[in-house]
Amino acid sequence: MKNNTAVQGEAAENLLPLRHRKQSKARIGVFGVGYFKYWSQFDGLLDQLLQKQEALLHKIEAIGDVEILDFGLIDDATKAYELVPKLKGANLDLIFCDMLTYATSSTFGIIIKSIDTPIVLVALQPDKALDYGNASTYLQLYNDDICSLPEFAGVAVRMGKKVPEMIIGTLHDDPAAEAEIEEYCRIARVLHDLKTARIGHIGHPIEAMLDMHSDSTMLTAHFGPHIVQCEAHEIVSRFRTAADAEIDPVKERILDFFDTPDPVSDPISEKLKDADLHISAQVTVALEKFVKDKNLDALAYYYDGEDGSDTRVVMSNLIVGNSLLTGAGFPMCGESDLKTCIAMLIMERLGIGGSFAEFHPVDFREDFVLVGHDGPHNVAIAEGRPVLRSLKKYHGKPGFGAGVEFQIKEGPITMLSISSTYEGKFKFVLAEGESLKGPIPPTGNTNTRGFFKPDVRTFLKRWMKEGPTHHFALGVGHHAGTIQKIANYLGIESVVIN
């Protein structure tokens, strides 16, 4: 089974010059539970249960990009208490509790009480069904994986915790269960990278966009990343020292990756000019050095400069380099929108893209809304070859230069807006729809034909009533349920528009 991260990685490899960042490894702990009284009663049962746990470990290992810590079998309260400090000291991102057979909740109560790391109860029985004509108590216990789930759920509530997520299925030949295991491993990667990410921030949101302002300390408090406050001159200085020997290969990379068609109907667009290509390549050289030197995982930026200055030239021509970096796994978010940058990071680490987006005009004839934006985008999820156009002006912003234009891949899409409420709390607003092929405006911006149920008017009203920001991250596939689980683990309110 090929996971979404692998699919996105293949897309990046097929669209050189994207070289996707090396995946970080989430730390996942696994412990099994059972009932010590069974071992003397049923010879061989313990060994078979340990084999079941080994099978789960192999399934997780096969997914890749995770580090597994096996904490063995917990079969009484003493071992549960001994396990707690080990789990706390392991710096885990997620824990699988393997429900090997019936186990009293004394093996779980102190763990769920003491551990804040997300715990998933995994109940995968080895047989599809009992052979009733030849059934025995031994075989029942061997397949009693779900037996303790109600007890564990009830004890979690009594301990003041939420009922853990659960995977219920069979240990063998169960694609649905394997998909859930893979989903939680991807969630673990998101949680890991949120805790460890360094997100650069340059400038400030555009003055009039009040929905985008955020408190960097609160972003760290609720999501975990460190917000690295950067300065525009750190890119500008690298731009000034970029040599032709560095710039020329990047120009070739850009031309190999993007199409450069003739202009169509928009009078502010032109065929890509050599001067704009050169500036984009020179800025890309500077930007890649900046991201590497600052050890950044993402960047949100907006900065103006004096007319004709290097600062204005550089800060208004980050689009091409940022689009390539976003496609390679480093989300770059325009208009200095840190909240949407985090939304893009969540989607990227899930392996579903995450492109900077907002709503554009509605097509009331065909019942869809154009979804897109100017500035940087996730070119790894483009439908076909993305386009570069020279723009005589960037609407609503200073400067001029190259603009990136493409549609998101055809098929299911997911949107994530991270907004904040009057009380200062964050909120996830999510929706799923479809991207369908069709003409888009040739404006040097991304646009995707977004179809949403039950109809575009009703959907838009429902979306707006949840108080989103006007920006959101746009990814491929239907993954609202997965992102909602991430919100739950982060303790953030979420709503899915349906």
Protein backbone atom coordinates (compact mmCIF):
# COMPACT_ATOMS: atom_id res chain seq x y z
CA MET A 1 0.00 0.00 0.00
CA LYS A 2 1.45 3.35 -1.05
CA ASN A 3 0.94 6.20 1.40
CA ASN A 4 0.18 9.83 0.55
CA THR A 5 3.66 11.00 1.49
CA ALA A 6 5.15 8.55 -1.01
CA VAL A 7 2.74 9.72 -3.71
CA GLN A 8 3.61 13.37 -3.13
CA GLY A 9 7.31 12.50 -3.04
CA GLU A 10 6.99 10.75 -6.40
CA ALA A 11 5.21 13.81 -7.79
CA ALA A 12 8.10 15.96 -6.64
CA GLU A 13 10.64 13.59 -8.20
CA ASN A 14 8.73 13.62 -11.49
CA LEU A 15 8.77 17.43 -11.53
CA LEU A 16 12.45 18.28 -11.24
CA PRO A 17 13.99 20.45 -9.81
CA LEU A 18 11.97 19.62 -6.70
CA ARG A 19 14.08 17.68 -4.25
CA HIS A 20 11.78 16.91 -1.36
CA ARG A 21 13.11 17.52 2.12
CA LYS A 22 14.27 14.50 4.08
CA GLN A 23 11.32 13.22 6.08
CA SER A 24 11.63 13.55 9.83
CA LYS A 25 10.86 10.45 11.90
CA ALA A 26 8.06 10.46 14.42
CA ARG A 27 8.67 8.52 17.65
CA ILE A 28 5.91 5.98 18.22
CA GLY A 29 5.66 3.86 21.35
CA VAL A 30 3.92 0.48 21.43
CA PHE A 31 2.86 -1.54 24.44
CA GLY A 32 0.56 -4.53 24.67
CA VAL A 33 -1.93 -5.34 27.41
CA GLY A 34 -3.13 -8.66 28.78
CA TYR A 35 -4.20 -10.38 32.02
CA PHE A 36 -1.48 -12.14 34.00
CA LYS A 37 -3.87 -14.76 35.42
CA TYR A 38 -4.31 -16.32 31.98
CA TRP A 39 -0.66 -17.34 31.56
CA SER A 40 -0.73 -20.19 34.09
CA GLN A 41 -4.20 -21.24 33.01
CA PHE A 42 -3.59 -21.51 29.25
CA ASP A 43 -0.20 -22.82 28.23
CA GLY A 44 1.17 -21.15 25.07
CA LEU A 45 -1.30 -18.24 25.08
CA LEU A 46 1.27 -15.65 26.18
CA ASP A 47 3.67 -16.62 23.40
CA GLN A 48 0.94 -16.35 20.79
CA LEU A 49 -0.13 -12.93 22.08
CA LEU A 50 3.46 -11.68 21.90
CA GLN A 51 3.54 -12.89 18.29
CA LYS A 52 0.44 -10.77 17.65
CA GLN A 53 2.24 -7.74 19.07
CA GLU A 54 5.26 -8.49 16.89
CA ALA A 55 2.96 -8.54 13.86
CA LEU A 56 1.68 -5.06 14.72
CA LEU A 57 5.24 -3.80 15.12
CA HIS A 58 6.06 -5.11 11.65
CA LYS A 59 3.03 -3.32 10.18
CA ILE A 60 4.13 -0.01 11.68
CA GLU A 61 7.73 -0.55 10.60
CA ALA A 62 6.61 -1.23 7.02
CA ILE A 63 5.02 2.22 6.82
CA GLY A 64 8.45 3.82 7.21
CA ASP A 65 9.58 7.25 8.43
CA VAL A 66 8.80 6.35 12.05
CA GLU A 67 10.97 5.32 14.98
CA ILE A 68 9.33 2.53 17.00
CA LEU A 69 9.90 1.95 20.70
CA ASP A 70 8.56 -1.39 21.94
CA PHE A 71 7.65 -1.33 25.65
CA GLY A 72 6.58 -4.95 25.82
CA LEU A 73 3.50 -6.40 27.54
CA ILE A 74 1.73 -4.83 30.53
CA ASP A 75 -0.35 -7.39 32.40
CA ASP A 76 -0.79 -5.96 35.90
CA ALA A 77 -0.97 -2.63 37.73
CA THR A 78 2.64 -2.72 38.95
CA LYS A 79 3.97 -2.90 35.42
CA ALA A 80 1.64 -0.06 34.38
CA TYR A 81 3.07 2.22 37.08
CA GLU A 82 6.61 1.22 36.06
CA LEU A 83 5.83 2.05 32.43
CA VAL A 84 4.69 5.64 33.05
CA PRO A 85 8.15 7.21 33.58
CA LYS A 86 9.51 5.27 30.62
CA LEU A 87 6.79 6.66 28.35
CA LYS A 88 7.32 10.17 29.69
CA GLY A 89 11.07 9.95 29.15
CA ALA A 90 10.83 8.62 25.60
CA ASN A 91 9.69 11.91 24.00
CA LEU A 92 6.99 10.12 22.02
CA ASP A 93 4.66 11.64 19.45
CA LEU A 94 2.01 8.90 19.60
CA ILE A 95 1.42 5.63 21.46
CA PHE A 96 -0.28 2.47 20.22
CA CYS A 97 -1.80 0.34 22.99
CA ASP A 98 -2.12 -3.15 21.52
CA MET A 99 -5.24 -4.85 22.92
CA LEU A 100 -3.90 -8.40 22.75
CA THR A 101 -6.66 -10.01 24.82
CA TYR A 102 -8.87 -9.04 27.72
CA ALA A 103 -6.93 -6.89 30.22
CA THR A 104 -8.17 -5.24 33.38
CA SER A 105 -8.11 -1.46 33.25
CA SER A 106 -5.50 -1.43 36.03
CA THR A 107 -3.03 -1.95 33.17
CA PHE A 108 -4.22 1.29 31.57
CA GLY A 109 -5.73 3.64 34.14
CA ILE A 110 -2.53 5.19 35.51
CA ILE A 111 -1.12 5.44 31.99
CA ILE A 112 -4.02 7.40 30.51
CA LYS A 113 -4.11 9.55 33.66
CA SER A 114 -0.40 10.41 33.53
CA ILE A 115 0.39 10.64 29.82
CA ASP A 116 -0.55 13.55 27.57
CA THR A 117 0.81 11.90 24.43
CA PRO A 118 -2.02 10.72 22.13
CA ILE A 119 -2.87 7.05 22.71
CA VAL A 120 -4.60 4.87 20.11
CA LEU A 121 -6.17 1.59 21.20
CA VAL A 122 -5.46 -1.09 18.57
CA ALA A 123 -7.77 -4.12 18.61
CA LEU A 124 -6.83 -6.44 15.74
CA GLN A 125 -7.99 -9.98 16.29
CA PRO A 126 -6.06 -12.68 14.43
CA ASP A 127 -9.04 -14.64 13.08
CA LYS A 128 -11.81 -13.23 10.91
CA ALA A 129 -14.28 -15.22 12.99
CA LEU A 130 -14.25 -18.08 15.45
CA ASP A 131 -14.67 -21.59 14.13
CA TYR A 132 -17.73 -22.09 16.27
CA GLY A 133 -17.85 -25.84 15.90
CA ASN A 134 -14.29 -26.14 17.23
CA ALA A 135 -14.21 -23.06 19.49
CA SER A 136 -12.61 -23.06 22.92
CA THR A 137 -11.97 -20.67 25.76
CA TYR A 138 -8.34 -20.50 24.61
CA LEU A 139 -9.37 -19.40 21.10
CA GLN A 140 -11.80 -16.87 22.53
CA LEU A 141 -9.05 -15.30 24.64
CA TYR A 142 -6.72 -15.35 21.63
CA ASN A 143 -9.32 -13.29 19.75
CA ASP A 144 -10.55 -11.15 22.64
CA ASP A 145 -8.98 -7.94 21.31
CA ILE A 146 -12.08 -5.73 21.63
CA CYS A 147 -13.20 -7.12 24.99
CA SER A 148 -11.51 -4.43 27.12
CA LEU A 149 -12.28 -1.46 24.86
CA PRO A 150 -15.44 -0.43 26.77
CA GLU A 151 -13.62 -0.75 30.09
CA PHE A 152 -10.64 1.27 28.90
CA ALA A 153 -12.91 3.94 27.40
CA GLY A 154 -14.90 4.24 30.62
CA VAL A 155 -11.77 4.47 32.76
CA ALA A 156 -10.32 7.18 30.50
CA VAL A 157 -13.41 9.28 31.19
CA ARG A 158 -13.17 8.58 34.93
CA MET A 159 -9.55 9.74 34.80
CA GLY A 160 -10.64 13.05 33.29
CA LYS A 161 -9.38 12.23 29.81
CA LYS A 162 -11.02 11.87 26.42
CA VAL A 163 -11.85 8.41 25.14
CA PRO A 164 -8.84 7.36 23.03
CA GLU A 165 -9.14 6.80 19.31
CA MET A 166 -9.52 3.13 18.37
CA ILE A 167 -8.64 0.84 15.49
CA ILE A 168 -10.88 -2.22 15.27
CA GLY A 169 -10.31 -4.96 12.73
CA THR A 170 -8.28 -8.06 11.99
CA LEU A 171 -4.56 -8.60 12.21
CA HIS A 172 -4.31 -10.08 8.72
CA ASP A 173 -5.74 -9.09 5.32
CA ASP A 174 -7.51 -5.98 6.57
CA PRO A 175 -6.72 -3.00 4.30
CA ALA A 176 -9.02 -0.71 6.29
CA ALA A 177 -7.15 -1.38 9.55
CA GLU A 178 -3.78 -0.97 7.83
CA ALA A 179 -4.94 2.34 6.36
CA GLU A 180 -5.87 3.53 9.86
CA ILE A 181 -2.47 2.52 11.23
CA GLU A 182 -0.83 4.44 8.38
CA GLU A 183 -3.11 7.44 9.06
CA TYR A 184 -2.03 7.60 12.71
CA CYS A 185 1.64 7.33 11.70
CA ARG A 186 1.13 10.35 9.43
CA ILE A 187 -0.61 12.16 12.28
CA ALA A 188 2.39 11.35 14.48
CA ARG A 189 4.68 12.94 11.89
CA VAL A 190 2.56 16.09 11.89
CA LEU A 191 2.60 16.28 15.68
CA HIS A 192 6.36 15.65 15.72
CA ASP A 193 7.13 18.35 13.18
CA LEU A 194 4.80 20.89 14.78
CA LYS A 195 6.71 20.43 18.04
CA THR A 196 10.10 20.83 16.40
CA ALA A 197 9.49 23.21 13.46
CA ARG A 198 11.23 26.54 13.01
CA ILE A 199 8.88 28.85 11.12
CA GLY A 200 10.42 32.06 9.83
CA HIS A 201 8.49 35.30 9.94
CA ILE A 202 9.38 38.45 8.00
CA GLY A 203 7.53 41.73 8.24
CA HIS A 204 3.85 41.83 9.11
CA PRO A 205 0.45 40.97 7.65
CA ILE A 206 -0.84 43.50 5.16
CA GLU A 207 -2.19 46.30 7.37
CA ALA A 208 -5.83 45.96 6.36
CA MET A 209 -6.13 42.19 6.86
CA LEU A 210 -7.21 42.03 10.49
CA ASP A 211 -8.15 38.34 10.32
CA MET A 212 -4.52 37.34 9.79
CA HIS A 213 -2.83 38.90 12.80
CA SER A 214 -1.62 36.42 15.40
CA ASP A 215 0.49 36.18 18.54
CA SER A 216 3.67 34.18 17.96
CA THR A 217 3.79 33.07 21.59
CA MET A 218 0.28 31.68 21.33
CA LEU A 219 1.24 29.80 18.16
CA THR A 220 4.03 28.14 20.13
CA ALA A 221 1.72 27.51 23.09
CA HIS A 222 -0.95 25.74 21.02
CA PHE A 223 1.00 24.19 18.14
CA GLY A 224 4.60 23.93 19.37
CA PRO A 225 6.82 25.49 16.67
CA HIS A 226 9.33 28.23 17.31
CA ILE A 227 8.61 31.39 15.34
CA VAL A 228 11.95 32.73 14.09
CA GLN A 229 11.67 36.49 13.66
CA CYS A 230 13.75 37.27 10.58
CA GLU A 231 14.70 40.42 8.70
CA ALA A 232 14.29 41.20 5.00
CA HIS A 233 17.93 42.26 4.71
CA GLU A 234 18.98 38.69 5.50
CA ILE A 235 17.66 37.66 2.07
CA VAL A 236 18.62 40.92 0.35
CA SER A 237 22.27 40.61 1.38
CA ARG A 238 22.44 37.10 -0.07
CA PHE A 239 20.73 38.38 -3.24
CA ARG A 240 23.44 41.01 -3.70
CA THR A 241 26.26 38.47 -3.41
CA ALA A 242 24.71 35.81 -5.67
CA ALA A 243 27.09 35.04 -8.55
CA ASP A 244 26.21 34.21 -12.16
CA ALA A 245 27.67 30.75 -11.64
CA GLU A 246 24.95 30.15 -9.03
CA ILE A 247 22.16 31.98 -10.88
CA ASP A 248 22.48 30.39 -14.33
CA PRO A 249 21.85 26.78 -13.19
CA VAL A 250 18.78 27.94 -11.26
CA LYS A 251 17.45 29.65 -14.40
CA GLU A 252 17.79 26.30 -16.18
CA ARG A 253 16.01 24.55 -13.32
CA ILE A 254 13.15 27.01 -13.53
CA LEU A 255 12.77 26.70 -17.30
CA ASP A 256 12.90 22.90 -17.06
CA PHE A 257 10.13 22.94 -14.47
CA PHE A 258 7.73 25.65 -15.67
CA ASP A 259 5.99 26.31 -18.96
CA THR A 260 6.26 29.88 -20.29
CA PRO A 261 3.33 30.37 -22.72
CA ASP A 262 2.38 33.48 -24.63
CA PRO A 263 -0.04 35.88 -22.91
CA VAL A 264 -3.75 35.38 -23.50
CA SER A 265 -6.41 37.83 -22.34
CA ASP A 266 -4.99 39.60 -19.29
CA PRO A 267 -3.34 42.90 -20.31
CA ILE A 268 -1.06 42.94 -17.25
CA SER A 269 0.47 39.57 -18.19
CA GLU A 270 3.28 38.96 -20.67
CA LYS A 271 5.39 36.06 -21.83
CA LEU A 272 8.10 35.48 -19.23
CA LYS A 273 10.79 38.09 -19.76
CA ASP A 274 14.49 37.30 -19.45
CA ALA A 275 14.87 40.05 -16.86
CA ASP A 276 12.10 38.57 -14.67
CA LEU A 277 13.57 35.07 -15.04
CA HIS A 278 16.98 36.35 -13.99
CA ILE A 279 15.61 38.18 -10.95
CA SER A 280 13.54 35.14 -9.92
CA ALA A 281 16.59 32.89 -10.19
CA GLN A 282 18.81 35.33 -8.29
CA VAL A 283 16.20 35.63 -5.53
CA THR A 284 15.82 31.83 -5.45
CA VAL A 285 19.57 31.45 -4.88
CA ALA A 286 19.38 33.93 -2.00
CA LEU A 287 16.22 32.39 -0.56
CA GLU A 288 17.54 28.83 -0.55
CA LYS A 289 20.71 29.97 1.23
CA PHE A 290 18.62 31.93 3.73
CA VAL A 291 16.35 28.97 4.53
CA LYS A 292 19.34 26.67 4.96
CA ASP A 293 21.38 29.10 7.07
CA LYS A 294 18.43 29.90 9.36
CA ASN A 295 17.46 26.20 9.54
CA LEU A 296 13.84 27.01 8.67
CA ASP A 297 11.05 24.54 8.01
CA ALA A 298 8.62 27.18 6.73
CA LEU A 299 8.29 30.93 6.20
CA ALA A 300 5.53 33.54 6.33
CA TYR A 301 6.46 36.90 4.85
CA TYR A 302 5.29 40.28 3.64
CA TYR A 303 7.61 43.24 3.39
CA ASP A 304 7.67 46.38 1.28
CA GLY A 305 10.67 48.53 0.45
CA GLU A 306 11.50 51.84 -1.11
CA ASP A 307 10.51 52.12 -4.77
CA GLY A 308 13.42 50.88 -6.90
CA SER A 309 15.33 49.46 -3.93
CA ASP A 310 16.85 45.99 -3.78
CA THR A 311 14.55 45.29 -0.84
CA ARG A 312 11.43 45.85 -2.92
CA VAL A 313 12.83 43.87 -5.83
CA VAL A 314 13.69 40.89 -3.64
CA MET A 315 10.65 40.84 -1.38
CA SER A 316 8.23 41.14 -4.31
CA ASN A 317 10.00 38.44 -6.34
CA LEU A 318 10.04 35.57 -3.86
CA ILE A 319 7.16 33.86 -5.67
CA VAL A 320 9.07 31.43 -7.89
CA GLY A 321 11.62 30.37 -5.28
CA ASN A 322 8.97 30.06 -2.61
CA SER A 323 6.76 27.94 -4.86
CA LEU A 324 9.65 25.56 -5.52
CA LEU A 325 10.47 25.39 -1.82
CA THR A 326 6.82 24.79 -0.90
CA GLY A 327 6.65 21.92 -3.38
CA ALA A 328 9.84 20.51 -1.86
CA GLY A 329 8.38 20.41 1.65
CA PHE A 330 9.10 23.91 3.00
CA PRO A 331 5.75 25.77 3.18
CA MET A 332 6.12 29.41 2.16
CA CYS A 333 3.16 31.64 2.88
CA GLY A 334 2.62 35.10 1.44
CA GLU A 335 1.05 38.10 3.14
CA SER A 336 2.84 37.12 6.36
CA ASP A 337 0.01 34.77 7.36
CA LEU A 338 1.50 32.59 10.09
CA LYS A 339 -1.74 30.73 10.84
CA THR A 340 -2.12 29.63 7.22
CA CYS A 341 1.58 28.77 7.11
CA ILE A 342 0.94 26.30 9.94
CA ALA A 343 -2.10 24.94 8.07
CA MET A 344 0.12 24.41 5.03
CA LEU A 345 2.74 22.68 7.21
CA ILE A 346 0.10 20.32 8.62
CA MET A 347 -1.04 19.37 5.13
CA GLU A 348 2.51 19.02 3.81
CA ARG A 349 3.52 16.66 6.60
CA LEU A 350 0.39 14.61 5.97
CA GLY A 351 1.62 14.23 2.40
CA ILE A 352 -1.36 15.96 0.80
CA GLY A 353 0.23 19.20 -0.41
CA GLY A 354 -1.04 22.36 1.18
CA SER A 355 -1.19 25.36 -1.16
CA PHE A 356 -1.90 28.99 -0.21
CA ALA A 357 -5.49 29.74 -1.25
CA GLU A 358 -8.56 31.93 -0.95
CA PHE A 359 -11.91 32.20 -2.76
CA HIS A 360 -12.05 33.89 -6.17
CA PRO A 361 -15.13 34.51 -8.37
CA VAL A 362 -18.06 32.07 -8.38
CA ASP A 363 -19.26 30.38 -11.55
CA PHE A 364 -23.03 30.36 -11.09
CA ARG A 365 -23.58 28.66 -14.44
CA GLU A 366 -21.63 25.51 -13.56
CA ASP A 367 -21.97 25.85 -9.75
CA PHE A 368 -18.35 26.07 -8.63
CA VAL A 369 -16.02 28.62 -7.06
CA LEU A 370 -12.50 29.43 -8.19
CA VAL A 371 -10.05 28.68 -5.39
CA GLY A 372 -6.55 30.13 -5.65
CA HIS A 373 -4.22 33.01 -4.86
CA ASP A 374 -1.34 35.06 -6.16
CA GLY A 375 2.15 34.52 -4.78
CA PRO A 376 3.74 31.20 -3.77
CA HIS A 377 1.98 27.85 -4.19
CA ASN A 378 2.59 24.15 -3.74
CA VAL A 379 3.74 23.17 -7.21
CA ALA A 380 4.03 19.50 -6.15
CA ILE A 381 0.25 19.16 -6.44
CA ALA A 382 -0.16 20.98 -9.76
CA GLU A 383 -2.26 19.47 -12.51
CA GLY A 384 0.25 19.19 -15.33
CA ARG A 385 3.12 21.60 -15.80
CA PRO A 386 2.83 24.90 -13.91
CA VAL A 387 3.09 28.16 -15.82
CA LEU A 388 5.23 31.26 -15.34
CA ARG A 389 4.03 34.60 -16.66
CA SER A 390 5.59 38.03 -16.36
CA LEU A 391 3.18 40.39 -14.64
CA LYS A 392 3.44 44.16 -15.11
CA LYS A 393 2.06 44.60 -11.61
CA TYR A 394 1.19 42.46 -8.61
CA HIS A 395 -2.38 43.44 -7.86
CA GLY A 396 -2.74 44.95 -4.41
CA LYS A 397 1.00 44.70 -3.73
CA PRO A 398 4.14 46.59 -4.76
CA GLY A 399 6.44 45.50 -7.54
CA PHE A 400 6.24 43.37 -10.67
CA GLY A 401 7.83 40.20 -12.03
CA ALA A 402 7.09 36.51 -12.53
CA GLY A 403 3.82 34.96 -11.36
CA VAL A 404 3.03 31.26 -10.89
CA GLU A 405 -0.14 29.84 -12.47
CA PHE A 406 -1.63 26.34 -12.34
CA GLN A 407 -4.59 24.26 -11.25
CA ILE A 408 -4.56 21.80 -8.34
CA LYS A 409 -4.67 18.14 -9.36
CA GLU A 410 -8.07 16.93 -10.47
CA GLY A 411 -9.95 14.94 -7.86
CA PRO A 412 -10.91 15.28 -4.18
CA ILE A 413 -9.59 18.27 -2.24
CA THR A 414 -9.52 19.38 1.40
CA MET A 415 -9.40 22.92 2.79
CA LEU A 416 -8.10 23.98 6.21
CA SER A 417 -8.51 27.47 7.63
CA ILE A 418 -6.98 28.21 11.04
CA SER A 419 -8.85 31.13 12.55
CA SER A 420 -8.92 32.69 15.99
CA THR A 421 -11.96 33.63 18.05
CA TYR A 422 -12.93 36.61 20.18
CA GLU A 423 -11.71 34.66 23.21
CA GLY A 424 -8.27 34.34 21.58
CA LYS A 425 -8.55 30.61 20.89
CA PHE A 426 -7.67 28.91 17.62
CA LYS A 427 -10.23 27.08 15.49
CA PHE A 428 -9.93 24.71 12.52
CA VAL A 429 -12.50 25.21 9.77
CA LEU A 430 -12.43 22.28 7.33
CA ALA A 431 -14.22 21.27 4.17
CA GLU A 432 -13.95 18.69 1.43
CA GLY A 433 -14.78 19.14 -2.23
CA GLU A 434 -13.70 18.23 -5.74
CA SER A 435 -11.27 19.84 -8.18
CA LEU A 436 -12.40 19.40 -11.77
CA LYS A 437 -10.58 20.30 -14.96
CA GLY A 438 -11.66 23.31 -16.96
CA PRO A 439 -10.51 26.73 -18.10
CA ILE A 440 -9.04 29.09 -15.48
CA PRO A 441 -8.16 32.79 -15.80
CA PRO A 442 -4.70 33.26 -17.40
CA THR A 443 -3.65 35.79 -14.77
CA GLY A 444 -0.37 34.36 -13.48
CA ASN A 445 -2.16 33.14 -10.32
CA THR A 446 -3.33 29.70 -9.23
CA ASN A 447 -7.00 28.87 -9.65
CA THR A 448 -8.81 25.60 -9.14
CA ARG A 449 -12.42 24.87 -10.01
CA GLY A 450 -13.77 23.88 -6.60
CA PHE A 451 -17.07 22.02 -6.43
CA PHE A 452 -18.73 21.70 -3.02
CA LYS A 453 -21.96 20.09 -1.85
CA PRO A 454 -24.85 20.65 -1.72
CA ASP A 455 -24.29 23.68 -3.97
CA VAL A 456 -21.83 26.54 -4.09
CA ARG A 457 -24.13 29.16 -2.51
CA THR A 458 -25.08 26.98 0.45
CA PHE A 459 -21.53 25.80 0.97
CA LEU A 460 -20.08 29.32 0.98
CA LYS A 461 -22.67 30.52 3.50
CA ARG A 462 -21.93 27.58 5.79
CA TRP A 463 -18.17 28.16 5.49
CA MET A 464 -18.43 31.88 6.27
CA LYS A 465 -20.66 31.30 9.30
CA GLU A 466 -17.84 29.42 11.03
CA GLY A 467 -15.68 32.57 11.11
CA PRO A 468 -12.69 31.43 9.01
CA THR A 469 -9.80 33.56 7.86
CA HIS A 470 -9.99 34.48 4.20
CA HIS A 471 -6.87 32.40 3.57
CA PHE A 472 -6.66 28.63 3.91
CA ALA A 473 -4.45 25.70 2.93
CA LEU A 474 -5.64 23.59 0.00
CA GLY A 475 -4.61 19.95 -0.27
CA VAL A 476 -5.40 16.91 -2.38
CA GLY A 477 -7.62 14.04 -1.24
CA HIS A 478 -10.35 13.97 1.39
CA HIS A 479 -8.63 14.24 4.77
CA ALA A 480 -10.87 16.42 6.93
CA GLY A 481 -11.36 13.58 9.41
CA THR A 482 -7.62 13.08 9.81
CA ILE A 483 -6.99 16.80 10.32
CA GLN A 484 -9.83 16.94 12.83
CA LYS A 485 -8.05 14.23 14.85
CA ILE A 486 -4.93 16.41 14.84
CA ALA A 487 -7.03 19.32 16.12
CA ASN A 488 -8.39 17.12 18.90
CA TYR A 489 -4.87 16.07 19.92
CA LEU A 490 -3.84 19.73 19.99
CA GLY A 491 -6.90 20.66 22.04
CA ILE A 492 -8.20 22.96 19.31
CA GLU A 493 -11.85 23.38 18.31
CA SER A 494 -12.63 22.13 14.82
CA VAL A 495 -15.62 22.01 12.53
CA VAL A 496 -16.13 20.26 9.19
CA ILE A 497 -18.51 21.95 6.75
CA ASN A 498 -20.78 19.30 5.30
